Amino acid sequence: MKKKTNLTIALIAIVFTSFTTRLHAQSAKVTLSPELLIPFSKAYNVGIGGILEAEWPAERKLGLTLATGVETLFPKHDWYENYTFLPLKGGIKYYVDKQFFLNFNLGAAVGFNGYGTNFLVGGGIGYKVNNRIDLGFRIEDAGTSYAALKVGFRL
């Protein structure tokens, strides 16, 4: 499992290194987003999280992203432990117009409490309220599926 995690992280690093060498003149936009997680599994009630995301503009309507943070899903029953994980993900963000965007992410969810590492995949939509705040909704699978509602604050 550790080999799979290292391979995923190395692949993401190689891809983004090749893309960002072309983008060296442009600086990243960094966003901090508190999140409410709504799990689809019957084992969990609700969750919370926080994501730190950097975005580099690649084209006029396309951005490349790297993100990490901490997310926790709380169980319905006492015999389960919280599913807490560290998402390590890269992706793309496509701007439909100046305010609406679509995003897609791939990566790894490094679990705590003996949960191990899982493949992470997801996508969603968002709305830029202004240059400092955006709202978003995405669906991800990181060993269990959930929906995430976020409010992003550009740093």
C-alpha atoms as a PDB file:
ATOM      1  CA  MET A   1       0.000   0.000   0.000  1.00  0.00           C
ATOM      2  CA  LYS A   2       2.897   2.350   0.802  1.00  0.00           C
ATOM      3  CA  LYS A   3       4.332   1.708  -2.670  1.00  0.00           C
ATOM      4  CA  LYS A   4       0.994   2.708  -4.235  1.00  0.00           C
ATOM      5  CA  THR A   5       0.889   5.939  -2.209  1.00  0.00           C
ATOM      6  CA  ASN A   6       4.443   6.880  -3.142  1.00  0.00           C
ATOM      7  CA  LEU A   7       3.757   6.127  -6.805  1.00  0.00           C
ATOM      8  CA  THR A   8       0.615   8.297  -6.795  1.00  0.00           C
ATOM      9  CA  ILE A   9       2.426  11.208  -5.120  1.00  0.00           C
ATOM     10  CA  ALA A  10       5.387  10.887  -7.505  1.00  0.00           C
ATOM     11  CA  LEU A  11       3.101  10.821 -10.556  1.00  0.00           C
ATOM     12  CA  ILE A  12       1.227  13.948  -9.406  1.00  0.00           C
ATOM     13  CA  ALA A  13       4.527  15.721  -8.715  1.00  0.00           C
ATOM     14  CA  ILE A  14       5.956  14.850 -12.161  1.00  0.00           C
ATOM     15  CA  VAL A  15       2.822  15.979 -14.012  1.00  0.00           C
ATOM     16  CA  PHE A  16       2.574  19.273 -12.164  1.00  0.00           C
ATOM     17  CA  THR A  17       6.297  19.965 -12.405  1.00  0.00           C
ATOM     18  CA  SER A  18       6.071  19.658 -16.191  1.00  0.00           C
ATOM     19  CA  PHE A  19       3.026  21.938 -16.340  1.00  0.00           C
ATOM     20  CA  THR A  20       4.291  24.555 -13.897  1.00  0.00           C
ATOM     21  CA  THR A  21       7.611  25.002 -15.698  1.00  0.00           C
ATOM     22  CA  ARG A  22       5.572  26.646 -18.465  1.00  0.00           C
ATOM     23  CA  LEU A  23       3.710  28.717 -15.871  1.00  0.00           C
ATOM     24  CA  HIS A  24       6.743  30.041 -13.979  1.00  0.00           C
ATOM     25  CA  ALA A  25       5.873  33.688 -14.708  1.00  0.00           C
ATOM     26  CA  GLN A  26       2.407  33.343 -13.176  1.00  0.00           C
ATOM     27  CA  SER A  27       1.878  33.051  -9.442  1.00  0.00           C
ATOM     28  CA  ALA A  28      -0.509  30.648  -7.742  1.00  0.00           C
ATOM     29  CA  LYS A  29      -3.795  31.720  -6.192  1.00  0.00           C
ATOM     30  CA  VAL A  30      -4.120  30.106  -2.752  1.00  0.00           C
ATOM     31  CA  THR A  31      -7.532  29.400  -1.210  1.00  0.00           C
ATOM     32  CA  LEU A  32      -8.433  28.129   2.281  1.00  0.00           C
ATOM     33  CA  SER A  33     -11.817  26.374   2.423  1.00  0.00           C
ATOM     34  CA  PRO A  34     -13.727  25.095   5.466  1.00  0.00           C
ATOM     35  CA  GLU A  35     -16.073  22.280   4.380  1.00  0.00           C
ATOM     36  CA  LEU A  36     -19.174  20.401   5.458  1.00  0.00           C
ATOM     37  CA  LEU A  37     -19.086  16.739   4.372  1.00  0.00           C
ATOM     38  CA  ILE A  38     -22.254  14.738   3.750  1.00  0.00           C
ATOM     39  CA  PRO A  39     -21.392  11.010   3.487  1.00  0.00           C
ATOM     40  CA  PHE A  40     -23.355   8.618   1.262  1.00  0.00           C
ATOM     41  CA  SER A  41     -22.403   5.644   3.469  1.00  0.00           C
ATOM     42  CA  LYS A  42     -24.862   4.585   6.176  1.00  0.00           C
ATOM     43  CA  ALA A  43     -21.930   4.157   8.572  1.00  0.00           C
ATOM     44  CA  TYR A  44     -21.285   7.922   8.874  1.00  0.00           C
ATOM     45  CA  ASN A  45     -23.466  10.864   9.956  1.00  0.00           C
ATOM     46  CA  VAL A  46     -21.630  13.989   8.873  1.00  0.00           C
ATOM     47  CA  GLY A  47     -18.121  15.307   8.494  1.00  0.00           C
ATOM     48  CA  ILE A  48     -16.031  18.459   8.523  1.00  0.00           C
ATOM     49  CA  GLY A  49     -12.817  19.426   6.832  1.00  0.00           C
ATOM     50  CA  GLY A  50     -10.492  22.117   5.655  1.00  0.00           C
ATOM     51  CA  ILE A  51      -8.661  22.297   2.325  1.00  0.00           C
ATOM     52  CA  LEU A  52      -5.736  24.467   1.239  1.00  0.00           C
ATOM     53  CA  GLU A  53      -5.659  24.723  -2.565  1.00  0.00           C
ATOM     54  CA  ALA A  54      -3.207  26.389  -4.943  1.00  0.00           C
ATOM     55  CA  GLU A  55      -4.293  27.174  -8.505  1.00  0.00           C
ATOM     56  CA  TRP A  56      -2.075  28.120 -11.449  1.00  0.00           C
ATOM     57  CA  PRO A  57      -3.697  29.561 -14.588  1.00  0.00           C
ATOM     58  CA  ALA A  58      -2.735  27.402 -17.594  1.00  0.00           C
ATOM     59  CA  GLU A  59      -4.957  28.967 -20.239  1.00  0.00           C
ATOM     60  CA  ARG A  60      -7.586  31.709 -20.234  1.00  0.00           C
ATOM     61  CA  LYS A  61     -10.318  29.341 -18.930  1.00  0.00           C
ATOM     62  CA  LEU A  62      -8.218  26.538 -17.415  1.00  0.00           C
ATOM     63  CA  GLY A  63      -6.401  26.260 -14.095  1.00  0.00           C
ATOM     64  CA  LEU A  64      -4.218  23.506 -12.611  1.00  0.00           C
ATOM     65  CA  THR A  65      -4.670  22.784  -8.898  1.00  0.00           C
ATOM     66  CA  LEU A  66      -2.846  21.112  -6.030  1.00  0.00           C
ATOM     67  CA  ALA A  67      -4.665  20.674  -2.716  1.00  0.00           C
ATOM     68  CA  THR A  68      -4.276  19.166   0.725  1.00  0.00           C
ATOM     69  CA  GLY A  69      -5.969  19.467   4.101  1.00  0.00           C
ATOM     70  CA  VAL A  70      -7.650  17.339   6.749  1.00  0.00           C
ATOM     71  CA  GLU A  71     -11.126  15.816   6.551  1.00  0.00           C
ATOM     72  CA  THR A  72     -13.049  13.781   9.129  1.00  0.00           C
ATOM     73  CA  LEU A  73     -16.241  11.738   8.815  1.00  0.00           C
ATOM     74  CA  PHE A  74     -18.024  10.991  12.096  1.00  0.00           C
ATOM     75  CA  PRO A  75     -19.590   7.513  12.549  1.00  0.00           C
ATOM     76  CA  LYS A  76     -23.207   6.817  13.476  1.00  0.00           C
ATOM     77  CA  HIS A  77     -22.233   4.035  15.885  1.00  0.00           C
ATOM     78  CA  ASP A  78     -19.661   3.871  18.679  1.00  0.00           C
ATOM     79  CA  TRP A  79     -17.976   0.734  17.345  1.00  0.00           C
ATOM     80  CA  TYR A  80     -16.546   2.724  14.401  1.00  0.00           C
ATOM     81  CA  GLU A  81     -13.767   5.270  14.719  1.00  0.00           C
ATOM     82  CA  ASN A  82     -13.756   8.620  12.956  1.00  0.00           C
ATOM     83  CA  TYR A  83     -12.494   8.337   9.378  1.00  0.00           C
ATOM     84  CA  THR A  84      -9.877  11.075   9.325  1.00  0.00           C
ATOM     85  CA  PHE A  85      -7.662  11.455   6.281  1.00  0.00           C
ATOM     86  CA  LEU A  86      -5.197  13.771   4.606  1.00  0.00           C
ATOM     87  CA  PRO A  87      -6.181  14.333   0.956  1.00  0.00           C
ATOM     88  CA  LEU A  88      -3.279  14.856  -1.468  1.00  0.00           C
ATOM     89  CA  LYS A  89      -4.792  15.747  -4.813  1.00  0.00           C
ATOM     90  CA  GLY A  90      -4.148  17.466  -8.095  1.00  0.00           C
ATOM     91  CA  GLY A  91      -6.639  18.514 -10.696  1.00  0.00           C
ATOM     92  CA  ILE A  92      -8.002  20.899 -13.257  1.00  0.00           C
ATOM     93  CA  LYS A  93     -10.467  23.755 -12.961  1.00  0.00           C
ATOM     94  CA  TYR A  94     -12.367  24.872 -16.069  1.00  0.00           C
ATOM     95  CA  TYR A  95     -14.087  28.273 -16.012  1.00  0.00           C
ATOM     96  CA  VAL A  96     -17.369  28.152 -17.945  1.00  0.00           C
ATOM     97  CA  ASP A  97     -17.562  31.953 -17.584  1.00  0.00           C
ATOM     98  CA  LYS A  98     -16.079  34.533 -15.185  1.00  0.00           C
ATOM     99  CA  GLN A  99     -18.066  33.206 -12.213  1.00  0.00           C
ATOM    100  CA  PHE A 100     -18.917  29.508 -12.761  1.00  0.00           C
ATOM    101  CA  PHE A 101     -16.332  26.720 -12.844  1.00  0.00           C
ATOM    102  CA  LEU A 102     -16.095  22.924 -13.036  1.00  0.00           C
ATOM    103  CA  ASN A 103     -13.312  20.955 -11.339  1.00  0.00           C
ATOM    104  CA  PHE A 104     -11.908  17.429 -11.359  1.00  0.00           C
ATOM    105  CA  ASN A 105      -9.407  15.939  -8.847  1.00  0.00           C
ATOM    106  CA  LEU A 106      -7.262  12.803  -8.545  1.00  0.00           C
ATOM    107  CA  GLY A 107      -4.953  11.777  -5.752  1.00  0.00           C
ATOM    108  CA  ALA A 108      -4.589   9.838  -2.543  1.00  0.00           C
ATOM    109  CA  ALA A 109      -6.384   9.933   0.810  1.00  0.00           C
ATOM    110  CA  VAL A 110      -3.865   9.079   3.529  1.00  0.00           C
ATOM    111  CA  GLY A 111      -5.964   7.709   6.380  1.00  0.00           C
ATOM    112  CA  PHE A 112      -5.338   7.879  10.118  1.00  0.00           C
ATOM    113  CA  ASN A 113      -6.588   5.451  12.825  1.00  0.00           C
ATOM    114  CA  GLY A 114      -5.503   2.435  10.795  1.00  0.00           C
ATOM    115  CA  TYR A 115      -7.594   3.274   7.712  1.00  0.00           C
ATOM    116  CA  GLY A 116      -4.647   3.125   5.300  1.00  0.00           C
ATOM    117  CA  THR A 117      -4.347   4.959   2.001  1.00  0.00           C
ATOM    118  CA  ASN A 118      -7.111   5.084  -0.603  1.00  0.00           C
ATOM    119  CA  PHE A 119      -7.344   6.351  -4.165  1.00  0.00           C
ATOM    120  CA  LEU A 120      -9.186   9.689  -4.258  1.00  0.00           C
ATOM    121  CA  VAL A 121     -11.260  10.875  -7.217  1.00  0.00           C
ATOM    122  CA  GLY A 122     -13.895  13.570  -7.461  1.00  0.00           C
ATOM    123  CA  GLY A 123     -15.379  16.521  -9.248  1.00  0.00           C
ATOM    124  CA  GLY A 124     -17.767  19.364  -8.767  1.00  0.00           C
ATOM    125  CA  ILE A 125     -18.971  22.857  -9.559  1.00  0.00           C
ATOM    126  CA  GLY A 126     -18.327  26.263  -8.080  1.00  0.00           C
ATOM    127  CA  TYR A 127     -19.283  29.924  -8.153  1.00  0.00           C
ATOM    128  CA  LYS A 128     -16.939  32.878  -7.631  1.00  0.00           C
ATOM    129  CA  VAL A 129     -18.790  35.454  -5.518  1.00  0.00           C
ATOM    130  CA  ASN A 130     -15.925  37.931  -5.996  1.00  0.00           C
ATOM    131  CA  ASN A 131     -12.109  37.841  -6.278  1.00  0.00           C
ATOM    132  CA  ARG A 132     -11.770  36.760  -2.623  1.00  0.00           C
ATOM    133  CA  ILE A 133     -14.666  34.309  -1.991  1.00  0.00           C
ATOM    134  CA  ASP A 134     -16.019  31.278  -3.858  1.00  0.00           C
ATOM    135  CA  LEU A 135     -18.685  28.674  -3.100  1.00  0.00           C
ATOM    136  CA  GLY A 136     -18.454  25.062  -4.200  1.00  0.00           C
ATOM    137  CA  PHE A 137     -20.052  21.640  -4.248  1.00  0.00           C
ATOM    138  CA  ARG A 138     -18.237  18.425  -5.137  1.00  0.00           C
ATOM    139  CA  ILE A 139     -18.630  14.679  -4.866  1.00  0.00           C
ATOM    140  CA  GLU A 140     -15.559  12.615  -3.963  1.00  0.00           C
ATOM    141  CA  ASP A 141     -14.645   9.058  -3.187  1.00  0.00           C
ATOM    142  CA  ALA A 142     -11.751   8.534  -0.786  1.00  0.00           C
ATOM    143  CA  GLY A 143     -12.479   5.003   0.386  1.00  0.00           C
ATOM    144  CA  THR A 144     -16.060   6.113   1.062  1.00  0.00           C
ATOM    145  CA  SER A 145     -18.164   8.518  -1.005  1.00  0.00           C
ATOM    146  CA  TYR A 146     -19.364  11.912   0.198  1.00  0.00           C
ATOM    147  CA  ALA A 147     -20.559  15.313  -0.966  1.00  0.00           C
ATOM    148  CA  ALA A 148     -18.698  18.421   0.187  1.00  0.00           C
ATOM    149  CA  LEU A 149     -20.039  21.960   0.529  1.00  0.00           C
ATOM    150  CA  LYS A 150     -17.313  24.600   0.790  1.00  0.00           C
ATOM    151  CA  VAL A 151     -16.732  28.307   1.184  1.00  0.00           C
ATOM    152  CA  GLY A 152     -13.325  29.307  -0.143  1.00  0.00           C
ATOM    153  CA  PHE A 153     -11.392  32.350   1.062  1.00  0.00           C
ATOM    154  CA  ARG A 154      -8.514  33.504  -1.136  1.00  0.00           C
ATOM    155  CA  LEU A 155      -5.404  34.279   0.908  1.00  0.00           C
END
